[in-house]
Amino acid sequence: MVGTNKSMTRYERDKALGYILKNNKADLLKELGLLFDTDNGLVLSPELAQLANIYGYQISGSADNPIISAK
């Protein structure tokens, strides 16, 4: 729906994150605010960490250069 301010449902968001993981679109993760760097290393949002685990992926590297790989 172009031109509407409709928010994504939880299901749509999970599907979108699944697509990002499966298609190695790591550059989108920082843009979406789902990961960031701290003094202790890379931190993932809880929802991203959970979905990555469900889909069998791990995310490493840094927020500027995240790496998605299969477990």
PDB file of N, CA and C in Angstrom:
ATOM      1  N   MET A   1       0.835  -1.174   0.000  1.00  0.00           N
ATOM      2  CA  MET A   1       0.000   0.000   0.000  1.00  0.00           C
ATOM      3  C   MET A   1       0.884   1.243   0.000  1.00  0.00           C
ATOM      4  N   VAL A   2       1.092   1.791  -1.112  1.00  0.00           N
ATOM      5  CA  VAL A   2       1.919   2.973  -1.223  1.00  0.00           C
ATOM      6  C   VAL A   2       1.152   4.174  -0.680  1.00  0.00           C
ATOM      7  N   GLY A   3       1.854   4.992   0.092  1.00  0.00           N
ATOM      8  CA  GLY A   3       1.253   6.208   0.588  1.00  0.00           C
ATOM      9  C   GLY A   3       0.490   6.063   1.897  1.00  0.00           C
ATOM     10  N   THR A   4       0.555   4.897   2.541  1.00  0.00           N
ATOM     11  CA  THR A   4      -0.113   4.749   3.826  1.00  0.00           C
ATOM     12  C   THR A   4       0.926   4.662   4.925  1.00  0.00           C
ATOM     13  N   ASN A   5       0.506   4.897   6.144  1.00  0.00           N
ATOM     14  CA  ASN A   5       1.384   4.817   7.300  1.00  0.00           C
ATOM     15  C   ASN A   5       1.099   3.548   8.091  1.00  0.00           C
ATOM     16  N   LYS A   6       0.848   2.468   7.417  1.00  0.00           N
ATOM     17  CA  LYS A   6       0.523   1.205   8.064  1.00  0.00           C
ATOM     18  C   LYS A   6       1.790   0.587   8.659  1.00  0.00           C
ATOM     19  N   SER A   7       1.731   0.195   9.913  1.00  0.00           N
ATOM     20  CA  SER A   7       2.850  -0.487  10.551  1.00  0.00           C
ATOM     21  C   SER A   7       2.825  -1.956  10.178  1.00  0.00           C
ATOM     22  N   MET A   8       4.020  -2.563  10.195  1.00  0.00           N
ATOM     23  CA  MET A   8       4.104  -3.989   9.914  1.00  0.00           C
ATOM     24  C   MET A   8       3.572  -4.770  11.109  1.00  0.00           C
ATOM     25  N   THR A   9       2.886  -5.866  10.823  1.00  0.00           N
ATOM     26  CA  THR A   9       2.481  -6.748  11.900  1.00  0.00           C
ATOM     27  C   THR A   9       3.713  -7.526  12.362  1.00  0.00           C
ATOM     28  N   ARG A  10       3.604  -8.169  13.492  1.00  0.00           N
ATOM     29  CA  ARG A  10       4.720  -8.982  14.009  1.00  0.00           C
ATOM     30  C   ARG A  10       5.087 -10.074  13.003  1.00  0.00           C
ATOM     31  N   TYR A  11       4.079 -10.701  12.395  1.00  0.00           N
ATOM     32  CA  TYR A  11       4.318 -11.745  11.400  1.00  0.00           C
ATOM     33  C   TYR A  11       5.073 -11.193  10.199  1.00  0.00           C
ATOM     34  N   GLU A  12       4.638 -10.030   9.690  1.00  0.00           N
ATOM     35  CA  GLU A  12       5.311  -9.417   8.538  1.00  0.00           C
ATOM     36  C   GLU A  12       6.758  -9.057   8.874  1.00  0.00           C
ATOM     37  N   ARG A  13       6.976  -8.565  10.080  1.00  0.00           N
ATOM     38  CA  ARG A  13       8.334  -8.202  10.506  1.00  0.00           C
ATOM     39  C   ARG A  13       9.212  -9.448  10.597  1.00  0.00           C
ATOM     40  N   ASP A  14       8.683 -10.517  11.176  1.00  0.00           N
ATOM     41  CA  ASP A  14       9.443 -11.764  11.268  1.00  0.00           C
ATOM     42  C   ASP A  14       9.778 -12.304   9.885  1.00  0.00           C
ATOM     43  N   LYS A  15       8.832 -12.238   8.968  1.00  0.00           N
ATOM     44  CA  LYS A  15       9.083 -12.701   7.593  1.00  0.00           C
ATOM     45  C   LYS A  15      10.152 -11.838   6.927  1.00  0.00           C
ATOM     46  N   ALA A  16      10.093 -10.533   7.130  1.00  0.00           N
ATOM     47  CA  ALA A  16      11.084  -9.633   6.545  1.00  0.00           C
ATOM     48  C   ALA A  16      12.475  -9.922   7.109  1.00  0.00           C
ATOM     49  N   LEU A  17      12.566 -10.126   8.416  1.00  0.00           N
ATOM     50  CA  LEU A  17      13.864 -10.442   9.021  1.00  0.00           C
ATOM     51  C   LEU A  17      14.366 -11.800   8.547  1.00  0.00           C
ATOM     52  N   GLY A  18      13.457 -12.757   8.366  1.00  0.00           N
ATOM     53  CA  GLY A  18      13.843 -14.054   7.812  1.00  0.00           C
ATOM     54  C   GLY A  18      14.417 -13.903   6.416  1.00  0.00           C
ATOM     55  N   TYR A  19      13.818 -13.048   5.616  1.00  0.00           N
ATOM     56  CA  TYR A  19      14.319 -12.783   4.262  1.00  0.00           C
ATOM     57  C   TYR A  19      15.719 -12.179   4.322  1.00  0.00           C
ATOM     58  N   ILE A  20      15.907 -11.214   5.211  1.00  0.00           N
ATOM     59  CA  ILE A  20      17.219 -10.580   5.359  1.00  0.00           C
ATOM     60  C   ILE A  20      18.271 -11.625   5.718  1.00  0.00           C
ATOM     61  N   LEU A  21      17.964 -12.492   6.658  1.00  0.00           N
ATOM     62  CA  LEU A  21      18.923 -13.518   7.074  1.00  0.00           C
ATOM     63  C   LEU A  21      19.215 -14.505   5.942  1.00  0.00           C
ATOM     64  N   LYS A  22      18.178 -15.027   5.329  1.00  0.00           N
ATOM     65  CA  LYS A  22      18.336 -16.055   4.296  1.00  0.00           C
ATOM     66  C   LYS A  22      19.037 -15.532   3.047  1.00  0.00           C
ATOM     67  N   ASN A  23      18.896 -14.242   2.785  1.00  0.00           N
ATOM     68  CA  ASN A  23      19.483 -13.659   1.578  1.00  0.00           C
ATOM     69  C   ASN A  23      20.712 -12.797   1.868  1.00  0.00           C
ATOM     70  N   ASN A  24      21.232 -12.937   3.084  1.00  0.00           N
ATOM     71  CA  ASN A  24      22.472 -12.288   3.498  1.00  0.00           C
ATOM     72  C   ASN A  24      22.467 -10.781   3.214  1.00  0.00           C
ATOM     73  N   LYS A  25      21.406 -10.129   3.600  1.00  0.00           N
ATOM     74  CA  LYS A  25      21.267  -8.682   3.431  1.00  0.00           C
ATOM     75  C   LYS A  25      21.720  -7.972   4.714  1.00  0.00           C
ATOM     76  N   ALA A  26      22.915  -8.309   5.171  1.00  0.00           N
ATOM     77  CA  ALA A  26      23.430  -7.813   6.454  1.00  0.00           C
ATOM     78  C   ALA A  26      23.468  -6.304   6.531  1.00  0.00           C
ATOM     79  N   ASP A  27      23.676  -5.636   5.424  1.00  0.00           N
ATOM     80  CA  ASP A  27      23.756  -4.176   5.428  1.00  0.00           C
ATOM     81  C   ASP A  27      22.461  -3.526   5.916  1.00  0.00           C
ATOM     82  N   LEU A  28      21.355  -4.214   5.773  1.00  0.00           N
ATOM     83  CA  LEU A  28      20.070  -3.656   6.199  1.00  0.00           C
ATOM     84  C   LEU A  28      19.884  -3.704   7.713  1.00  0.00           C
ATOM     85  N   LEU A  29      20.595  -4.603   8.383  1.00  0.00           N
ATOM     86  CA  LEU A  29      20.377  -4.788   9.811  1.00  0.00           C
ATOM     87  C   LEU A  29      20.715  -3.535  10.621  1.00  0.00           C
ATOM     88  N   LYS A  30      21.830  -2.891  10.321  1.00  0.00           N
ATOM     89  CA  LYS A  30      22.192  -1.668  11.043  1.00  0.00           C
ATOM     90  C   LYS A  30      21.226  -0.542  10.682  1.00  0.00           C
ATOM     91  N   GLU A  31      20.882  -0.468   9.408  1.00  0.00           N
ATOM     92  CA  GLU A  31      19.957   0.568   8.950  1.00  0.00           C
ATOM     93  C   GLU A  31      18.618   0.471   9.678  1.00  0.00           C
ATOM     94  N   LEU A  32      18.204  -0.754   9.999  1.00  0.00           N
ATOM     95  CA  LEU A  32      16.946  -0.973  10.705  1.00  0.00           C
ATOM     96  C   LEU A  32      17.096  -0.835  12.219  1.00  0.00           C
ATOM     97  N   GLY A  33      18.326  -0.598  12.689  1.00  0.00           N
ATOM     98  CA  GLY A  33      18.563  -0.425  14.127  1.00  0.00           C
ATOM     99  C   GLY A  33      18.487  -1.714  14.917  1.00  0.00           C
ATOM    100  N   LEU A  34      18.815  -2.831  14.272  1.00  0.00           N
ATOM    101  CA  LEU A  34      18.702  -4.134  14.926  1.00  0.00           C
ATOM    102  C   LEU A  34      20.005  -4.646  15.505  1.00  0.00           C
ATOM    103  N   LEU A  35      21.089  -3.926  15.258  1.00  0.00           N
ATOM    104  CA  LEU A  35      22.365  -4.297  15.855  1.00  0.00           C
ATOM    105  C   LEU A  35      23.222  -3.066  16.024  1.00  0.00           C
ATOM    106  N   PHE A  36      24.125  -3.129  16.985  1.00  0.00           N
ATOM    107  CA  PHE A  36      25.015  -2.001  17.240  1.00  0.00           C
ATOM    108  C   PHE A  36      26.245  -2.496  17.976  1.00  0.00           C
ATOM    109  N   ASP A  37      27.282  -1.693  17.943  1.00  0.00           N
ATOM    110  CA  ASP A  37      28.531  -2.029  18.607  1.00  0.00           C
ATOM    111  C   ASP A  37      28.561  -1.431  20.010  1.00  0.00           C
ATOM    112  N   THR A  38      29.162  -2.173  20.930  1.00  0.00           N
ATOM    113  CA  THR A  38      29.426  -1.678  22.281  1.00  0.00           C
ATOM    114  C   THR A  38      30.890  -1.966  22.588  1.00  0.00           C
ATOM    115  N   ASP A  39      31.330  -1.561  23.747  1.00  0.00           N
ATOM    116  CA  ASP A  39      32.699  -1.857  24.164  1.00  0.00           C
ATOM    117  C   ASP A  39      32.938  -3.365  24.268  1.00  0.00           C
ATOM    118  N   ASN A  40      31.865  -4.117  24.484  1.00  0.00           N
ATOM    119  CA  ASN A  40      31.966  -5.574  24.615  1.00  0.00           C
ATOM    120  C   ASN A  40      31.725  -6.309  23.300  1.00  0.00           C
ATOM    121  N   GLY A  41      31.561  -5.582  22.208  1.00  0.00           N
ATOM    122  CA  GLY A  41      31.364  -6.211  20.910  1.00  0.00           C
ATOM    123  C   GLY A  41      29.987  -5.952  20.327  1.00  0.00           C
ATOM    124  N   LEU A  42      29.645  -6.747  19.327  1.00  0.00           N
ATOM    125  CA  LEU A  42      28.391  -6.600  18.594  1.00  0.00           C
ATOM    126  C   LEU A  42      27.210  -7.044  19.453  1.00  0.00           C
ATOM    127  N   VAL A  43      26.157  -6.245  19.454  1.00  0.00           N
ATOM    128  CA  VAL A  43      24.936  -6.563  20.194  1.00  0.00           C
ATOM    129  C   VAL A  43      23.777  -6.585  19.207  1.00  0.00           C
ATOM    130  N   LEU A  44      22.971  -7.660  19.273  1.00  0.00           N
ATOM    131  CA  LEU A  44      21.788  -7.804  18.426  1.00  0.00           C
ATOM    132  C   LEU A  44      20.539  -7.494  19.231  1.00  0.00           C
ATOM    133  N   SER A  45      19.527  -6.984  18.556  1.00  0.00           N
ATOM    134  CA  SER A  45      18.251  -6.813  19.241  1.00  0.00           C
ATOM    135  C   SER A  45      17.753  -8.197  19.634  1.00  0.00           C
ATOM    136  N   PRO A  46      17.009  -8.307  20.731  1.00  0.00           N
ATOM    137  CA  PRO A  46      16.513  -9.623  21.155  1.00  0.00           C
ATOM    138  C   PRO A  46      15.709 -10.339  20.064  1.00  0.00           C
ATOM    139  N   GLU A  47      14.891  -9.603  19.331  1.00  0.00           N
ATOM    140  CA  GLU A  47      14.077 -10.244  18.296  1.00  0.00           C
ATOM    141  C   GLU A  47      14.945 -10.777  17.158  1.00  0.00           C
ATOM    142  N   LEU A  48      15.987 -10.040  16.780  1.00  0.00           N
ATOM    143  CA  LEU A  48      16.888 -10.501  15.724  1.00  0.00           C
ATOM    144  C   LEU A  48      17.667 -11.720  16.179  1.00  0.00           C
ATOM    145  N   ALA A  49      18.157 -11.689  17.412  1.00  0.00           N
ATOM    146  CA  ALA A  49      18.910 -12.830  17.949  1.00  0.00           C
ATOM    147  C   ALA A  49      18.037 -14.086  17.965  1.00  0.00           C
ATOM    148  N   GLN A  50      16.792 -13.947  18.372  1.00  0.00           N
ATOM    149  CA  GLN A  50      15.872 -15.086  18.429  1.00  0.00           C
ATOM    150  C   GLN A  50      15.588 -15.642  17.034  1.00  0.00           C
ATOM    151  N   LEU A  51      15.293 -14.768  16.075  1.00  0.00           N
ATOM    152  CA  LEU A  51      14.998 -15.231  14.717  1.00  0.00           C
ATOM    153  C   LEU A  51      16.226 -15.843  14.050  1.00  0.00           C
ATOM    154  N   ALA A  52      17.386 -15.264  14.273  1.00  0.00           N
ATOM    155  CA  ALA A  52      18.607 -15.842  13.704  1.00  0.00           C
ATOM    156  C   ALA A  52      18.790 -17.255  14.227  1.00  0.00           C
ATOM    157  N   ASN A  53      18.542 -17.452  15.500  1.00  0.00           N
ATOM    158  CA  ASN A  53      18.664 -18.785  16.094  1.00  0.00           C
ATOM    159  C   ASN A  53      17.634 -19.751  15.506  1.00  0.00           C
ATOM    160  N   ILE A  54      16.414 -19.298  15.359  1.00  0.00           N
ATOM    161  CA  ILE A  54      15.347 -20.140  14.794  1.00  0.00           C
ATOM    162  C   ILE A  54      15.682 -20.566  13.360  1.00  0.00           C
ATOM    163  N   TYR A  55      16.179 -19.632  12.570  1.00  0.00           N
ATOM    164  CA  TYR A  55      16.508 -19.923  11.172  1.00  0.00           C
ATOM    165  C   TYR A  55      17.870 -20.582  10.994  1.00  0.00           C
ATOM    166  N   GLY A  56      18.644 -20.719  12.080  1.00  0.00           N
ATOM    167  CA  GLY A  56      19.926 -21.396  12.009  1.00  0.00           C
ATOM    168  C   GLY A  56      21.085 -20.548  11.513  1.00  0.00           C
ATOM    169  N   TYR A  57      21.037 -19.251  11.823  1.00  0.00           N
ATOM    170  CA  TYR A  57      22.102 -18.335  11.413  1.00  0.00           C
ATOM    171  C   TYR A  57      22.773 -17.729  12.630  1.00  0.00           C
ATOM    172  N   GLN A  58      23.991 -17.266  12.431  1.00  0.00           N
ATOM    173  CA  GLN A  58      24.661 -16.472  13.450  1.00  0.00           C
ATOM    174  C   GLN A  58      25.137 -15.193  12.798  1.00  0.00           C
ATOM    175  N   ILE A  59      25.217 -14.150  13.590  1.00  0.00           N
ATOM    176  CA  ILE A  59      25.639 -12.845  13.092  1.00  0.00           C
ATOM    177  C   ILE A  59      26.858 -12.428  13.895  1.00  0.00           C
ATOM    178  N   SER A  60      27.911 -12.086  13.194  1.00  0.00           N
ATOM    179  CA  SER A  60      29.156 -11.691  13.841  1.00  0.00           C
ATOM    180  C   SER A  60      29.716 -10.468  13.134  1.00  0.00           C
ATOM    181  N   GLY A  61      30.914 -10.081  13.506  1.00  0.00           N
ATOM    182  CA  GLY A  61      31.545  -8.915  12.903  1.00  0.00           C
ATOM    183  C   GLY A  61      31.262  -7.680  13.712  1.00  0.00           C
ATOM    184  N   SER A  62      30.965  -6.600  13.042  1.00  0.00           N
ATOM    185  CA  SER A  62      30.657  -5.331  13.702  1.00  0.00           C
ATOM    186  C   SER A  62      29.382  -4.769  13.097  1.00  0.00           C
ATOM    187  N   ALA A  63      28.861  -3.737  13.724  1.00  0.00           N
ATOM    188  CA  ALA A  63      27.637  -3.125  13.206  1.00  0.00           C
ATOM    189  C   ALA A  63      27.880  -2.520  11.829  1.00  0.00           C
ATOM    190  N   ASP A  64      29.101  -2.046  11.589  1.00  0.00           N
ATOM    191  CA  ASP A  64      29.420  -1.467  10.283  1.00  0.00           C
ATOM    192  C   ASP A  64      29.645  -2.530   9.219  1.00  0.00           C
ATOM    193  N   ASN A  65      29.970  -3.747   9.632  1.00  0.00           N
ATOM    194  CA  ASN A  65      30.235  -4.826   8.692  1.00  0.00           C
ATOM    195  C   ASN A  65      29.755  -6.161   9.278  1.00  0.00           C
ATOM    196  N   PRO A  66      28.427  -6.312   9.443  1.00  0.00           N
ATOM    197  CA  PRO A  66      27.916  -7.561  10.007  1.00  0.00           C
ATOM    198  C   PRO A  66      28.067  -8.715   9.020  1.00  0.00           C
ATOM    199  N   ILE A  67      28.289  -9.904   9.559  1.00  0.00           N
ATOM    200  CA  ILE A  67      28.442 -11.098   8.747  1.00  0.00           C
ATOM    201  C   ILE A  67      27.394 -12.107   9.175  1.00  0.00           C
ATOM    202  N   ILE A  68      26.560 -12.531   8.231  1.00  0.00           N
ATOM    203  CA  ILE A  68      25.538 -13.545   8.500  1.00  0.00           C
ATOM    204  C   ILE A  68      26.067 -14.863   7.961  1.00  0.00           C
ATOM    205  N   SER A  69      26.073 -15.892   8.820  1.00  0.00           N
ATOM    206  CA  SER A  69      26.522 -17.210   8.373  1.00  0.00           C
ATOM    207  C   SER A  69      25.647 -18.284   8.989  1.00  0.00           C
ATOM    208  N   ALA A  70      25.564 -19.420   8.311  1.00  0.00           N
ATOM    209  CA  ALA A  70      24.789 -20.544   8.814  1.00  0.00           C
ATOM    210  C   ALA A  70      25.532 -21.164   9.987  1.00  0.00           C
ATOM    211  N   LYS A  71      24.783 -21.673  10.938  1.00  0.00           N
ATOM    212  CA  LYS A  71      25.399 -22.332  12.097  1.00  0.00           C
ATOM    213  C   LYS A  71      25.899 -23.692  11.707  1.00  0.00           C
TER     214      LYS A  71
END
